[in-house]
Amino acid sequence: VYPLQSPTSPDGELIVGTSRAGAFIAFYTTATRAVQLEPVVRRNAP
C-alpha cells in the first residue's frame, strides 16, 4: 500500500477467499505498528 492511504492503513495487504470465508492479511513494517493498529483492522472488517 504505497503511499499509505491513511495513517492507519497497513503497509501491505493480501485478501484470500471471500468475505464469507476468507482472510485479510495486513503487513506492517514494525511489530509495534501491527499491535497498535489491530483494533483498526477489527473495526473496519466487513
PDB file of all heavy atoms in Angstrom:
ATOM      1  N   VAL A   1       0.874  -1.170   0.000  1.00  0.00           N
ATOM      2  CA  VAL A   1       0.000   0.000   0.000  1.00  0.00           C
ATOM      3  C   VAL A   1       0.914   1.223   0.000  1.00  0.00           C
ATOM      4  O   VAL A   1       1.386   1.645   1.044  1.00  0.00           O
ATOM      5  CB  VAL A   1      -0.933   0.007   1.231  1.00  0.00           C
ATOM      6  CG1 VAL A   1      -1.817   1.239   1.229  1.00  0.00           C
ATOM      7  CG2 VAL A   1      -1.770  -1.257   1.285  1.00  0.00           C
ATOM      8  N   TYR A   2       1.191   1.754  -1.212  1.00  0.00           N
ATOM      9  CA  TYR A   2       2.062   2.925  -1.353  1.00  0.00           C
ATOM     10  C   TYR A   2       1.370   3.976  -2.180  1.00  0.00           C
ATOM     11  O   TYR A   2       0.871   3.652  -3.255  1.00  0.00           O
ATOM     12  CB  TYR A   2       3.377   2.560  -2.025  1.00  0.00           C
ATOM     13  CG  TYR A   2       4.243   1.693  -1.184  1.00  0.00           C
ATOM     14  CD1 TYR A   2       4.504   0.386  -1.551  1.00  0.00           C
ATOM     15  CD2 TYR A   2       4.782   2.169  -0.008  1.00  0.00           C
ATOM     16  CE1 TYR A   2       5.296  -0.424  -0.770  1.00  0.00           C
ATOM     17  CE2 TYR A   2       5.585   1.359   0.782  1.00  0.00           C
ATOM     18  CZ  TYR A   2       5.841   0.069   0.394  1.00  0.00           C
ATOM     19  OH  TYR A   2       6.621  -0.718   1.166  1.00  0.00           O
ATOM     20  N   PRO A   3       1.364   5.210  -1.796  1.00  0.00           N
ATOM     21  CA  PRO A   3       1.677   5.649  -0.441  1.00  0.00           C
ATOM     22  C   PRO A   3       0.571   5.198   0.487  1.00  0.00           C
ATOM     23  O   PRO A   3      -0.505   4.822   0.034  1.00  0.00           O
ATOM     24  CB  PRO A   3       1.714   7.169  -0.549  1.00  0.00           C
ATOM     25  CG  PRO A   3       0.784   7.477  -1.676  1.00  0.00           C
ATOM     26  CD  PRO A   3       0.898   6.300  -2.632  1.00  0.00           C
ATOM     27  N   LEU A   4       0.836   5.241   1.764  1.00  0.00           N
ATOM     28  CA  LEU A   4      -0.192   4.828   2.722  1.00  0.00           C
ATOM     29  C   LEU A   4      -1.465   5.620   2.463  1.00  0.00           C
ATOM     30  O   LEU A   4      -1.426   6.829   2.267  1.00  0.00           O
ATOM     31  CB  LEU A   4       0.277   5.075   4.158  1.00  0.00           C
ATOM     32  CG  LEU A   4       1.354   4.139   4.662  1.00  0.00           C
ATOM     33  CD1 LEU A   4       1.762   4.533   6.081  1.00  0.00           C
ATOM     34  CD2 LEU A   4       0.884   2.708   4.643  1.00  0.00           C
ATOM     35  N   GLN A   5      -2.582   4.909   2.429  1.00  0.00           N
ATOM     36  CA  GLN A   5      -3.855   5.557   2.139  1.00  0.00           C
ATOM     37  C   GLN A   5      -4.305   6.428   3.301  1.00  0.00           C
ATOM     38  O   GLN A   5      -5.006   7.401   3.123  1.00  0.00           O
ATOM     39  CB  GLN A   5      -4.908   4.507   1.813  1.00  0.00           C
ATOM     40  CG  GLN A   5      -4.580   3.781   0.530  1.00  0.00           C
ATOM     41  CD  GLN A   5      -5.523   2.626   0.266  1.00  0.00           C
ATOM     42  OE1 GLN A   5      -6.415   2.351   1.049  1.00  0.00           O
ATOM     43  NE2 GLN A   5      -5.331   1.955  -0.831  1.00  0.00           N
ATOM     44  N   SER A   6      -3.917   6.063   4.499  1.00  0.00           N
ATOM     45  CA  SER A   6      -4.230   6.851   5.688  1.00  0.00           C
ATOM     46  C   SER A   6      -3.200   6.483   6.749  1.00  0.00           C
ATOM     47  O   SER A   6      -2.467   5.498   6.584  1.00  0.00           O
ATOM     48  CB  SER A   6      -5.646   6.538   6.177  1.00  0.00           C
ATOM     49  OG  SER A   6      -5.653   5.375   6.971  1.00  0.00           O
ATOM     50  N   PRO A   7      -3.156   7.220   7.835  1.00  0.00           N
ATOM     51  CA  PRO A   7      -2.201   6.896   8.898  1.00  0.00           C
ATOM     52  C   PRO A   7      -2.438   5.520   9.515  1.00  0.00           C
ATOM     53  O   PRO A   7      -1.554   4.970  10.141  1.00  0.00           O
ATOM     54  CB  PRO A   7      -2.424   7.990   9.936  1.00  0.00           C
ATOM     55  CG  PRO A   7      -3.127   9.081   9.227  1.00  0.00           C
ATOM     56  CD  PRO A   7      -3.895   8.447   8.109  1.00  0.00           C
ATOM     57  N   THR A   8      -3.640   4.979   9.329  1.00  0.00           N
ATOM     58  CA  THR A   8      -3.944   3.689   9.948  1.00  0.00           C
ATOM     59  C   THR A   8      -4.045   2.548   8.946  1.00  0.00           C
ATOM     60  O   THR A   8      -4.443   1.447   9.307  1.00  0.00           O
ATOM     61  CB  THR A   8      -5.253   3.775  10.763  1.00  0.00           C
ATOM     62  OG1 THR A   8      -6.308   4.200   9.899  1.00  0.00           O
ATOM     63  CG2 THR A   8      -5.110   4.737  11.931  1.00  0.00           C
ATOM     64  N   SER A   9      -3.685   2.792   7.686  1.00  0.00           N
ATOM     65  CA  SER A   9      -3.713   1.691   6.729  1.00  0.00           C
ATOM     66  C   SER A   9      -2.480   0.821   6.914  1.00  0.00           C
ATOM     67  O   SER A   9      -1.432   1.297   7.356  1.00  0.00           O
ATOM     68  CB  SER A   9      -3.801   2.220   5.291  1.00  0.00           C
ATOM     69  OG  SER A   9      -2.647   2.940   4.950  1.00  0.00           O
ATOM     70  N   PRO A  10      -2.606  -0.467   6.587  1.00  0.00           N
ATOM     71  CA  PRO A  10      -1.425  -1.331   6.668  1.00  0.00           C
ATOM     72  C   PRO A  10      -0.425  -0.941   5.592  1.00  0.00           C
ATOM     73  O   PRO A  10      -0.763  -0.241   4.634  1.00  0.00           O
ATOM     74  CB  PRO A  10      -1.986  -2.736   6.434  1.00  0.00           C
ATOM     75  CG  PRO A  10      -3.270  -2.527   5.717  1.00  0.00           C
ATOM     76  CD  PRO A  10      -3.787  -1.182   6.118  1.00  0.00           C
ATOM     77  N   ASP A  11       0.805  -1.411   5.734  1.00  0.00           N
ATOM     78  CA  ASP A  11       1.840  -1.137   4.743  1.00  0.00           C
ATOM     79  C   ASP A  11       1.691  -2.058   3.534  1.00  0.00           C
ATOM     80  O   ASP A  11       2.237  -1.787   2.473  1.00  0.00           O
ATOM     81  CB  ASP A  11       3.220  -1.299   5.381  1.00  0.00           C
ATOM     82  CG  ASP A  11       3.376  -0.353   6.570  1.00  0.00           C
ATOM     83  OD1 ASP A  11       3.202   0.861   6.382  1.00  0.00           O
ATOM     84  OD2 ASP A  11       3.649  -0.834   7.689  1.00  0.00           O
ATOM     85  N   GLY A  12       0.966  -3.146   3.703  1.00  0.00           N
ATOM     86  CA  GLY A  12       0.665  -4.079   2.632  1.00  0.00           C
ATOM     87  C   GLY A  12      -0.508  -4.931   3.052  1.00  0.00           C
ATOM     88  O   GLY A  12      -0.790  -5.073   4.244  1.00  0.00           O
ATOM     89  N   GLU A  13      -1.229  -5.479   2.078  1.00  0.00           N
ATOM     90  CA  GLU A  13      -2.385  -6.316   2.414  1.00  0.00           C
ATOM     91  C   GLU A  13      -2.628  -7.353   1.329  1.00  0.00           C
ATOM     92  O   GLU A  13      -2.412  -7.086   0.156  1.00  0.00           O
ATOM     93  CB  GLU A  13      -3.632  -5.454   2.608  1.00  0.00           C
ATOM     94  CG  GLU A  13      -3.966  -4.571   1.429  1.00  0.00           C
ATOM     95  CD  GLU A  13      -5.048  -3.553   1.730  1.00  0.00           C
ATOM     96  OE1 GLU A  13      -5.061  -2.968   2.827  1.00  0.00           O
ATOM     97  OE2 GLU A  13      -5.882  -3.331   0.842  1.00  0.00           O
ATOM     98  N   LEU A  14      -3.030  -8.515   1.764  1.00  0.00           N
ATOM     99  CA  LEU A  14      -3.450  -9.571   0.850  1.00  0.00           C
ATOM    100  C   LEU A  14      -4.833 -10.023   1.286  1.00  0.00           C
ATOM    101  O   LEU A  14      -5.133 -10.089   2.483  1.00  0.00           O
ATOM    102  CB  LEU A  14      -2.487 -10.760   0.880  1.00  0.00           C
ATOM    103  CG  LEU A  14      -1.078 -10.505   0.350  1.00  0.00           C
ATOM    104  CD1 LEU A  14      -0.219 -11.762   0.509  1.00  0.00           C
ATOM    105  CD2 LEU A  14      -1.103 -10.054  -1.105  1.00  0.00           C
ATOM    106  N   ILE A  15      -5.655 -10.346   0.307  1.00  0.00           N
ATOM    107  CA  ILE A  15      -7.007 -10.821   0.576  1.00  0.00           C
ATOM    108  C   ILE A  15      -7.135 -12.193  -0.055  1.00  0.00           C
ATOM    109  O   ILE A  15      -6.834 -12.380  -1.232  1.00  0.00           O
ATOM    110  CB  ILE A  15      -8.042  -9.836   0.007  1.00  0.00           C
ATOM    111  CG1 ILE A  15      -7.838  -8.466   0.667  1.00  0.00           C
ATOM    112  CG2 ILE A  15      -9.454 -10.360   0.212  1.00  0.00           C
ATOM    113  CD1 ILE A  15      -8.507  -7.329  -0.049  1.00  0.00           C
ATOM    114  N   VAL A  16      -7.567 -13.153   0.757  1.00  0.00           N
ATOM    115  CA  VAL A  16      -7.669 -14.539   0.317  1.00  0.00           C
ATOM    116  C   VAL A  16      -9.100 -15.003   0.521  1.00  0.00           C
ATOM    117  O   VAL A  16      -9.690 -14.769   1.579  1.00  0.00           O
ATOM    118  CB  VAL A  16      -6.724 -15.450   1.142  1.00  0.00           C
ATOM    119  CG1 VAL A  16      -6.728 -16.867   0.615  1.00  0.00           C
ATOM    120  CG2 VAL A  16      -5.312 -14.888   1.176  1.00  0.00           C
ATOM    121  N   GLY A  17      -9.667 -15.658  -0.479  1.00  0.00           N
ATOM    122  CA  GLY A  17     -11.029 -16.182  -0.352  1.00  0.00           C
ATOM    123  C   GLY A  17     -12.074 -15.104  -0.556  1.00  0.00           C
ATOM    124  O   GLY A  17     -11.892 -14.194  -1.357  1.00  0.00           O
ATOM    125  N   THR A  18     -13.166 -15.198   0.194  1.00  0.00           N
ATOM    126  CA  THR A  18     -14.296 -14.280   0.069  1.00  0.00           C
ATOM    127  C   THR A  18     -14.620 -13.670   1.420  1.00  0.00           C
ATOM    128  O   THR A  18     -14.069 -14.070   2.443  1.00  0.00           O
ATOM    129  CB  THR A  18     -15.550 -15.023  -0.443  1.00  0.00           C
ATOM    130  OG1 THR A  18     -16.028 -15.882   0.591  1.00  0.00           O
ATOM    131  CG2 THR A  18     -15.269 -15.818  -1.699  1.00  0.00           C
ATOM    132  N   SER A  19     -15.545 -12.712   1.430  1.00  0.00           N
ATOM    133  CA  SER A  19     -15.944 -12.091   2.698  1.00  0.00           C
ATOM    134  C   SER A  19     -16.738 -13.057   3.572  1.00  0.00           C
ATOM    135  O   SER A  19     -16.900 -12.835   4.759  1.00  0.00           O
ATOM    136  CB  SER A  19     -16.754 -10.823   2.446  1.00  0.00           C
ATOM    137  OG  SER A  19     -17.955 -11.137   1.783  1.00  0.00           O
ATOM    138  N   ARG A  20     -17.232 -14.133   2.983  1.00  0.00           N
ATOM    139  CA  ARG A  20     -17.963 -15.141   3.769  1.00  0.00           C
ATOM    140  C   ARG A  20     -17.037 -16.246   4.277  1.00  0.00           C
ATOM    141  O   ARG A  20     -17.350 -16.911   5.256  1.00  0.00           O
ATOM    142  CB  ARG A  20     -19.083 -15.747   2.941  1.00  0.00           C
ATOM    143  CG  ARG A  20     -20.138 -14.733   2.592  1.00  0.00           C
ATOM    144  CD  ARG A  20     -21.309 -15.408   1.903  1.00  0.00           C
ATOM    145  NE  ARG A  20     -22.178 -14.432   1.285  1.00  0.00           N
ATOM    146  CZ  ARG A  20     -23.162 -13.814   1.913  1.00  0.00           C
ATOM    147  NH1 ARG A  20     -23.380 -14.049   3.172  1.00  0.00           N
ATOM    148  NH2 ARG A  20     -23.910 -12.960   1.259  1.00  0.00           N
ATOM    149  N   ALA A  21     -15.931 -16.438   3.605  1.00  0.00           N
ATOM    150  CA  ALA A  21     -14.971 -17.469   4.002  1.00  0.00           C
ATOM    151  C   ALA A  21     -13.605 -17.091   3.447  1.00  0.00           C
ATOM    152  O   ALA A  21     -13.243 -17.488   2.344  1.00  0.00           O
ATOM    153  CB  ALA A  21     -15.404 -18.842   3.494  1.00  0.00           C
ATOM    154  N   GLY A  22     -12.879 -16.295   4.199  1.00  0.00           N
ATOM    155  CA  GLY A  22     -11.585 -15.855   3.725  1.00  0.00           C
ATOM    156  C   GLY A  22     -10.774 -15.208   4.815  1.00  0.00           C
ATOM    157  O   GLY A  22     -11.077 -15.349   6.003  1.00  0.00           O
ATOM    158  N   ALA A  23      -9.748 -14.492   4.395  1.00  0.00           N
ATOM    159  CA  ALA A  23      -8.868 -13.828   5.345  1.00  0.00           C
ATOM    160  C   ALA A  23      -8.321 -12.548   4.741  1.00  0.00           C
ATOM    161  O   ALA A  23      -8.070 -12.467   3.544  1.00  0.00           O
ATOM    162  CB  ALA A  23      -7.714 -14.749   5.726  1.00  0.00           C
ATOM    163  N   PHE A  24      -8.153 -11.556   5.595  1.00  0.00           N
ATOM    164  CA  PHE A  24      -7.485 -10.316   5.250  1.00  0.00           C
ATOM    165  C   PHE A  24      -6.156 -10.352   5.983  1.00  0.00           C
ATOM    166  O   PHE A  24      -6.119 -10.484   7.212  1.00  0.00           O
ATOM    167  CB  PHE A  24      -8.320  -9.111   5.703  1.00  0.00           C
ATOM    168  CG  PHE A  24      -7.615  -7.796   5.518  1.00  0.00           C
ATOM    169  CD1 PHE A  24      -7.559  -7.193   4.273  1.00  0.00           C
ATOM    170  CD2 PHE A  24      -7.011  -7.157   6.587  1.00  0.00           C
ATOM    171  CE1 PHE A  24      -6.914  -5.982   4.094  1.00  0.00           C
ATOM    172  CE2 PHE A  24      -6.364  -5.953   6.417  1.00  0.00           C
ATOM    173  CZ  PHE A  24      -6.313  -5.365   5.168  1.00  0.00           C
ATOM    174  N   ILE A  25      -5.051 -10.265   5.238  1.00  0.00           N
ATOM    175  CA  ILE A  25      -3.719 -10.326   5.833  1.00  0.00           C
ATOM    176  C   ILE A  25      -3.107  -8.938   5.735  1.00  0.00           C
ATOM    177  O   ILE A  25      -2.909  -8.420   4.630  1.00  0.00           O
ATOM    178  CB  ILE A  25      -2.825 -11.356   5.114  1.00  0.00           C
ATOM    179  CG1 ILE A  25      -3.531 -12.716   5.040  1.00  0.00           C
ATOM    180  CG2 ILE A  25      -1.477 -11.471   5.820  1.00  0.00           C
ATOM    181  CD1 ILE A  25      -2.844 -13.714   4.111  1.00  0.00           C
ATOM    182  N   ALA A  26      -2.835  -8.323   6.878  1.00  0.00           N
ATOM    183  CA  ALA A  26      -2.244  -6.987   6.927  1.00  0.00           C
ATOM    184  C   ALA A  26      -0.774  -7.116   7.302  1.00  0.00           C
ATOM    185  O   ALA A  26      -0.424  -7.810   8.258  1.00  0.00           O
ATOM    186  CB  ALA A  26      -2.975  -6.122   7.948  1.00  0.00           C
ATOM    187  N   PHE A  27       0.076  -6.450   6.537  1.00  0.00           N
ATOM    188  CA  PHE A  27       1.523  -6.465   6.774  1.00  0.00           C
ATOM    189  C   PHE A  27       1.952  -5.074   7.237  1.00  0.00           C
ATOM    190  O   PHE A  27       1.504  -4.067   6.667  1.00  0.00           O
ATOM    191  CB  PHE A  27       2.275  -6.801   5.482  1.00  0.00           C
ATOM    192  CG  PHE A  27       1.980  -8.170   4.953  1.00  0.00           C
ATOM    193  CD1 PHE A  27       0.892  -8.393   4.126  1.00  0.00           C
ATOM    194  CD2 PHE A  27       2.800  -9.243   5.278  1.00  0.00           C
ATOM    195  CE1 PHE A  27       0.619  -9.658   3.629  1.00  0.00           C
ATOM    196  CE2 PHE A  27       2.536 -10.507   4.781  1.00  0.00           C
ATOM    197  CZ  PHE A  27       1.442 -10.716   3.962  1.00  0.00           C
ATOM    198  N   TYR A  28       2.834  -5.021   8.217  1.00  0.00           N
ATOM    199  CA  TYR A  28       3.337  -3.761   8.752  1.00  0.00           C
ATOM    200  C   TYR A  28       4.856  -3.777   8.769  1.00  0.00           C
ATOM    201  O   TYR A  28       5.482  -4.839   8.814  1.00  0.00           O
ATOM    202  CB  TYR A  28       2.797  -3.530  10.173  1.00  0.00           C
ATOM    203  CG  TYR A  28       1.295  -3.459  10.200  1.00  0.00           C
ATOM    204  CD1 TYR A  28       0.526  -4.584  10.472  1.00  0.00           C
ATOM    205  CD2 TYR A  28       0.638  -2.267   9.925  1.00  0.00           C
ATOM    206  CE1 TYR A  28      -0.862  -4.521  10.469  1.00  0.00           C
ATOM    207  CE2 TYR A  28      -0.750  -2.199   9.925  1.00  0.00           C
ATOM    208  CZ  TYR A  28      -1.492  -3.327  10.199  1.00  0.00           C
ATOM    209  OH  TYR A  28      -2.857  -3.265  10.185  1.00  0.00           O
ATOM    210  N   THR A  29       5.444  -2.592   8.771  1.00  0.00           N
ATOM    211  CA  THR A  29       6.908  -2.511   8.797  1.00  0.00           C
ATOM    212  C   THR A  29       7.473  -2.765  10.183  1.00  0.00           C
ATOM    213  O   THR A  29       8.640  -3.119  10.308  1.00  0.00           O
ATOM    214  CB  THR A  29       7.387  -1.132   8.293  1.00  0.00           C
ATOM    215  OG1 THR A  29       6.720  -0.105   9.024  1.00  0.00           O
ATOM    216  CG2 THR A  29       7.115  -0.973   6.796  1.00  0.00           C
ATOM    217  N   THR A  30       6.650  -2.596  11.221  1.00  0.00           N
ATOM    218  CA  THR A  30       7.116  -2.876  12.583  1.00  0.00           C
ATOM    219  C   THR A  30       6.047  -3.634  13.362  1.00  0.00           C
ATOM    220  O   THR A  30       4.845  -3.465  13.106  1.00  0.00           O
ATOM    221  CB  THR A  30       7.447  -1.585  13.367  1.00  0.00           C
ATOM    222  OG1 THR A  30       6.233  -0.858  13.610  1.00  0.00           O
ATOM    223  CG2 THR A  30       8.458  -0.715  12.634  1.00  0.00           C
ATOM    224  N   ALA A  31       6.483  -4.441  14.313  1.00  0.00           N
ATOM    225  CA  ALA A  31       5.547  -5.170  15.165  1.00  0.00           C
ATOM    226  C   ALA A  31       4.755  -4.191  16.040  1.00  0.00           C
ATOM    227  O   ALA A  31       3.574  -4.431  16.327  1.00  0.00           O
ATOM    228  CB  ALA A  31       6.299  -6.180  16.026  1.00  0.00           C
ATOM    229  N   THR A  32       5.365  -3.101  16.428  1.00  0.00           N
ATOM    230  CA  THR A  32       4.666  -2.099  17.235  1.00  0.00           C
ATOM    231  C   THR A  32       3.468  -1.545  16.483  1.00  0.00           C
ATOM    232  O   THR A  32       2.377  -1.416  17.031  1.00  0.00           O
ATOM    233  CB  THR A  32       5.631  -0.949  17.611  1.00  0.00           C
ATOM    234  OG1 THR A  32       6.717  -1.497  18.348  1.00  0.00           O
ATOM    235  CG2 THR A  32       4.941   0.127  18.422  1.00  0.00           C
ATOM    236  N   ARG A  33       3.661  -1.233  15.209  1.00  0.00           N
ATOM    237  CA  ARG A  33       2.549  -0.738  14.381  1.00  0.00           C
ATOM    238  C   ARG A  33       1.459  -1.793  14.238  1.00  0.00           C
ATOM    239  O   ARG A  33       0.269  -1.473  14.291  1.00  0.00           O
ATOM    240  CB  ARG A  33       3.093  -0.346  13.002  1.00  0.00           C
ATOM    241  CG  ARG A  33       2.495   0.907  12.466  1.00  0.00           C
ATOM    242  CD  ARG A  33       3.279   1.449  11.293  1.00  0.00           C
ATOM    243  NE  ARG A  33       2.499   1.383  10.066  1.00  0.00           N
ATOM    244  CZ  ARG A  33       1.406   2.088   9.850  1.00  0.00           C
ATOM    245  NH1 ARG A  33       0.953   2.895  10.760  1.00  0.00           N
ATOM    246  NH2 ARG A  33       0.756   1.981   8.724  1.00  0.00           N
ATOM    247  N   ALA A  34       1.842  -3.050  14.088  1.00  0.00           N
ATOM    248  CA  ALA A  34       0.858  -4.133  13.977  1.00  0.00           C
ATOM    249  C   ALA A  34       0.014  -4.216  15.249  1.00  0.00           C
ATOM    250  O   ALA A  34      -1.210  -4.368  15.180  1.00  0.00           O
ATOM    251  CB  ALA A  34       1.558  -5.456  13.706  1.00  0.00           C
ATOM    252  N   VAL A  35       0.649  -4.109  16.398  1.00  0.00           N
ATOM    253  CA  VAL A  35      -0.076  -4.153  17.677  1.00  0.00           C
ATOM    254  C   VAL A  35      -1.009  -2.956  17.795  1.00  0.00           C
ATOM    255  O   VAL A  35      -2.187  -3.092  18.135  1.00  0.00           O
ATOM    256  CB  VAL A  35       0.914  -4.189  18.867  1.00  0.00           C
ATOM    257  CG1 VAL A  35       0.196  -3.985  20.189  1.00  0.00           C
ATOM    258  CG2 VAL A  35       1.687  -5.490  18.883  1.00  0.00           C
ATOM    259  N   GLN A  36      -0.491  -1.759  17.506  1.00  0.00           N
ATOM    260  CA  GLN A  36      -1.285  -0.533  17.644  1.00  0.00           C
ATOM    261  C   GLN A  36      -2.494  -0.519  16.720  1.00  0.00           C
ATOM    262  O   GLN A  36      -3.546   0.007  17.078  1.00  0.00           O
ATOM    263  CB  GLN A  36      -0.423   0.696  17.357  1.00  0.00           C
ATOM    264  CG  GLN A  36       0.609   0.983  18.403  1.00  0.00           C
ATOM    265  CD  GLN A  36       1.539   2.116  17.998  1.00  0.00           C
ATOM    266  OE1 GLN A  36       1.697   2.412  16.814  1.00  0.00           O
ATOM    267  NE2 GLN A  36       2.154   2.751  18.984  1.00  0.00           N
ATOM    268  N   LEU A  37      -2.360  -1.077  15.526  1.00  0.00           N
ATOM    269  CA  LEU A  37      -3.423  -0.977  14.535  1.00  0.00           C
ATOM    270  C   LEU A  37      -4.360  -2.185  14.481  1.00  0.00           C
ATOM    271  O   LEU A  37      -5.321  -2.195  13.710  1.00  0.00           O
ATOM    272  CB  LEU A  37      -2.825  -0.695  13.157  1.00  0.00           C
ATOM    273  CG  LEU A  37      -2.127   0.667  13.071  1.00  0.00           C
ATOM    274  CD1 LEU A  37      -1.484   0.861  11.707  1.00  0.00           C
ATOM    275  CD2 LEU A  37      -3.083   1.800  13.381  1.00  0.00           C
ATOM    276  N   GLU A  38      -4.119  -3.182  15.316  1.00  0.00           N
ATOM    277  CA  GLU A  38      -5.027  -4.337  15.346  1.00  0.00           C
ATOM    278  C   GLU A  38      -6.475  -3.925  15.601  1.00  0.00           C
ATOM    279  O   GLU A  38      -7.387  -4.425  14.924  1.00  0.00           O
ATOM    280  CB  GLU A  38      -4.565  -5.359  16.381  1.00  0.00           C
ATOM    281  CG  GLU A  38      -5.426  -6.598  16.401  1.00  0.00           C
ATOM    282  CD  GLU A  38      -4.943  -7.624  17.411  1.00  0.00           C
ATOM    283  OE1 GLU A  38      -3.725  -7.789  17.588  1.00  0.00           O
ATOM    284  OE2 GLU A  38      -5.815  -8.271  18.023  1.00  0.00           O
ATOM    285  N   PRO A  39      -6.758  -3.007  16.538  1.00  0.00           N
ATOM    286  CA  PRO A  39      -8.158  -2.592  16.737  1.00  0.00           C
ATOM    287  C   PRO A  39      -8.783  -1.956  15.495  1.00  0.00           C
ATOM    288  O   PRO A  39      -9.976  -2.100  15.257  1.00  0.00           O
ATOM    289  CB  PRO A  39      -8.088  -1.575  17.881  1.00  0.00           C
ATOM    290  CG  PRO A  39      -6.788  -1.833  18.561  1.00  0.00           C
ATOM    291  CD  PRO A  39      -5.861  -2.374  17.508  1.00  0.00           C
ATOM    292  N   VAL A  40      -7.986  -1.274  14.690  1.00  0.00           N
ATOM    293  CA  VAL A  40      -8.497  -0.643  13.470  1.00  0.00           C
ATOM    294  C   VAL A  40      -8.882  -1.717  12.457  1.00  0.00           C
ATOM    295  O   VAL A  40      -9.922  -1.623  11.802  1.00  0.00           O
ATOM    296  CB  VAL A  40      -7.461   0.333  12.878  1.00  0.00           C
ATOM    297  CG1 VAL A  40      -7.956   0.932  11.573  1.00  0.00           C
ATOM    298  CG2 VAL A  40      -7.135   1.428  13.883  1.00  0.00           C
ATOM    299  N   VAL A  41      -8.062  -2.748  12.334  1.00  0.00           N
ATOM    300  CA  VAL A  41      -8.372  -3.861  11.429  1.00  0.00           C
ATOM    301  C   VAL A  41      -9.704  -4.488  11.841  1.00  0.00           C
ATOM    302  O   VAL A  41     -10.579  -4.717  11.011  1.00  0.00           O
ATOM    303  CB  VAL A  41      -7.244  -4.913  11.423  1.00  0.00           C
ATOM    304  CG1 VAL A  41      -7.662  -6.167  10.667  1.00  0.00           C
ATOM    305  CG2 VAL A  41      -5.969  -4.331  10.822  1.00  0.00           C
ATOM    306  N   ARG A  42      -9.867  -4.731  13.126  1.00  0.00           N
ATOM    307  CA  ARG A  42     -11.120  -5.321  13.617  1.00  0.00           C
ATOM    308  C   ARG A  42     -12.317  -4.413  13.328  1.00  0.00           C
ATOM    309  O   ARG A  42     -13.357  -4.857  12.861  1.00  0.00           O
ATOM    310  CB  ARG A  42     -11.041  -5.555  15.127  1.00  0.00           C
ATOM    311  CG  ARG A  42     -10.131  -6.659  15.549  1.00  0.00           C
ATOM    312  CD  ARG A  42     -10.094  -6.719  17.091  1.00  0.00           C
ATOM    313  NE  ARG A  42      -9.127  -7.653  17.577  1.00  0.00           N
ATOM    314  CZ  ARG A  42      -9.366  -8.933  17.792  1.00  0.00           C
ATOM    315  NH1 ARG A  42     -10.565  -9.430  17.550  1.00  0.00           N
ATOM    316  NH2 ARG A  42      -8.424  -9.722  18.249  1.00  0.00           N
ATOM    317  N   ARG A  43     -12.167  -3.128  13.613  1.00  0.00           N
ATOM    318  CA  ARG A  43     -13.275  -2.182  13.475  1.00  0.00           C
ATOM    319  C   ARG A  43     -13.715  -2.019  12.024  1.00  0.00           C
ATOM    320  O   ARG A  43     -14.896  -1.850  11.744  1.00  0.00           O
ATOM    321  CB  ARG A  43     -12.866  -0.830  14.059  1.00  0.00           C
ATOM    322  CG  ARG A  43     -13.985   0.195  14.026  1.00  0.00           C
ATOM    323  CD  ARG A  43     -13.598   1.521  14.658  1.00  0.00           C
ATOM    324  NE  ARG A  43     -12.554   2.179  13.888  1.00  0.00           N
ATOM    325  CZ  ARG A  43     -11.399   2.606  14.391  1.00  0.00           C
ATOM    326  NH1 ARG A  43     -11.131   2.453  15.676  1.00  0.00           N
ATOM    327  NH2 ARG A  43     -10.509   3.196  13.622  1.00  0.00           N
ATOM    328  N   ASN A  44     -12.789  -2.078  11.080  1.00  0.00           N
ATOM    329  CA  ASN A  44     -13.117  -1.841   9.677  1.00  0.00           C
ATOM    330  C   ASN A  44     -13.469  -3.109   8.903  1.00  0.00           C
ATOM    331  O   ASN A  44     -13.668  -3.046   7.695  1.00  0.00           O
ATOM    332  CB  ASN A  44     -11.956  -1.122   8.986  1.00  0.00           C
ATOM    333  CG  ASN A  44     -11.815   0.293   9.476  1.00  0.00           C
ATOM    334  OD1 ASN A  44     -12.763   0.897   9.939  1.00  0.00           O
ATOM    335  ND2 ASN A  44     -10.616   0.828   9.385  1.00  0.00           N
ATOM    336  N   ALA A  45     -13.552  -4.230   9.569  1.00  0.00           N
ATOM    337  CA  ALA A  45     -13.846  -5.502   8.901  1.00  0.00           C
ATOM    338  C   ALA A  45     -15.298  -5.546   8.422  1.00  0.00           C
ATOM    339  O   ALA A  45     -16.199  -5.072   9.102  1.00  0.00           O
ATOM    340  CB  ALA A  45     -13.584  -6.659   9.851  1.00  0.00           C
ATOM    341  N   PRO A  46     -15.526  -6.134   7.226  1.00  0.00           N
ATOM    342  CA  PRO A  46     -16.903  -6.287   6.755  1.00  0.00           C
ATOM    343  C   PRO A  46     -17.656  -7.312   7.603  1.00  0.00           C
ATOM    344  O   PRO A  46     -17.048  -8.240   8.131  1.00  0.00           O
ATOM    345  CB  PRO A  46     -16.734  -6.793   5.318  1.00  0.00           C
ATOM    346  CG  PRO A  46     -15.398  -7.431   5.286  1.00  0.00           C
ATOM    347  CD  PRO A  46     -14.557  -6.690   6.292  1.00  0.00           C
TER     348      PRO A  46
END
